[in-house]
């Protein structure tokens, strides 16, 4: 399970005001990914100093020149003048081999109205799936601390096919209040989505991807709050192995969202608290998060077997792993609590104290407010997410005031 000191982020300096963090230059050296992300290219690269690098030592391109030419031509003909193009999705995180390549394009003077979060604003060319945003929309989302747009700005250089040049980008500062609202509402949206994908869409694999992505969202927000930038896009890749092992070992099937939440909700709660504590530390040095009661760890309340001393040393959950429920101090083997919940799927409660195994009002009042249908930040902006990649909905002023 992800613990308070398991984010895998190296220390670094950060300058900030009471509410804003200075955005510093992203250093992308050492961020290159494995060769299966790239295609050979005859182009000449340049070093940071601007001097040419011999072709044989240059990094290979993520998108082939002919692919890129077709994308630019499609954008110019049907969408608008392309002013920015970023690689996005699994490719930049390097945690599994992608079947396709996700791109985010920003256009100026769009040829038609672009829906913010709709398939109507996407097109596919070969292996490339391109999501298109009008420049003004992209900048508005960026200033509201939309994590998708912030990730574009923190993407290693080899994944930046064309960088957006605009004063609003160069002068951007991290607003900690907006960042907190944006990141937590995105995490909650994704948390709810893994349940919907599993129980309604009946797709355990896509559900596992959403359950894992919750922790990535929180980690990226944590890095932005701590450093003013994303230093390591791969920091929580190991969590994918944890979540996949939970789904595989417990044979998660449609209807098992209670089981997944019982196993992962406590980790999610701790991660939310960690992020909120980092926000407070960024605002005022020395702030700490709430302490929680010690768990009851000696015996599984279902099988009555004692916990093995090394059962949770690695933090890797499995069917024999040790799980603490989110709303009480009781702990179980993952396979035991799964068995208990499957017997009575309409009553997702702890077998010992009857506390809910799902995140609810008793989990943490400071966290649960983010589970409301409409979340408002201190600046009274509504936060809701939709689309793929999921981004903040930008609402009209009249709609926000309603």
Foldseek 3Di string as FASTA:
>chain_A
DDFLPQLQDDADDWDAALFWTAADAADCPPQDEDPLQFDAEPDWDADPVGHTDDSVPDDGASDYPVRVVVVQVCCVVAWAHWQWKFWDDCSSQRLDRDQATEMETEHEPTPDDADDFDCVQWDDDVRYIYGYDYNVVLLVLVLLVKPRSQVRSNGRPSRTPHDHDDPSVVRDIGGLLSLLLNLLLVLLVLLVVLLCCFAPVWDNVVSLVSLLVSLLSLSQSLCCLRHVGRHHSNSSSVVSVQSVQACVQLVRTHLQSLLVLLFCVQVSLNSSQSSVQSSNCSSPNPRHGDDDDAADQAAAPQPRDGDDPCQCVVVRAHQQHWGAAQQHRHIHRSVRLSVVCVVPVVQQADPPPSHHSHDDCRRDVVSCQSNDPWDQTPVQATFDWHHVVITTDDDDPVVSVD
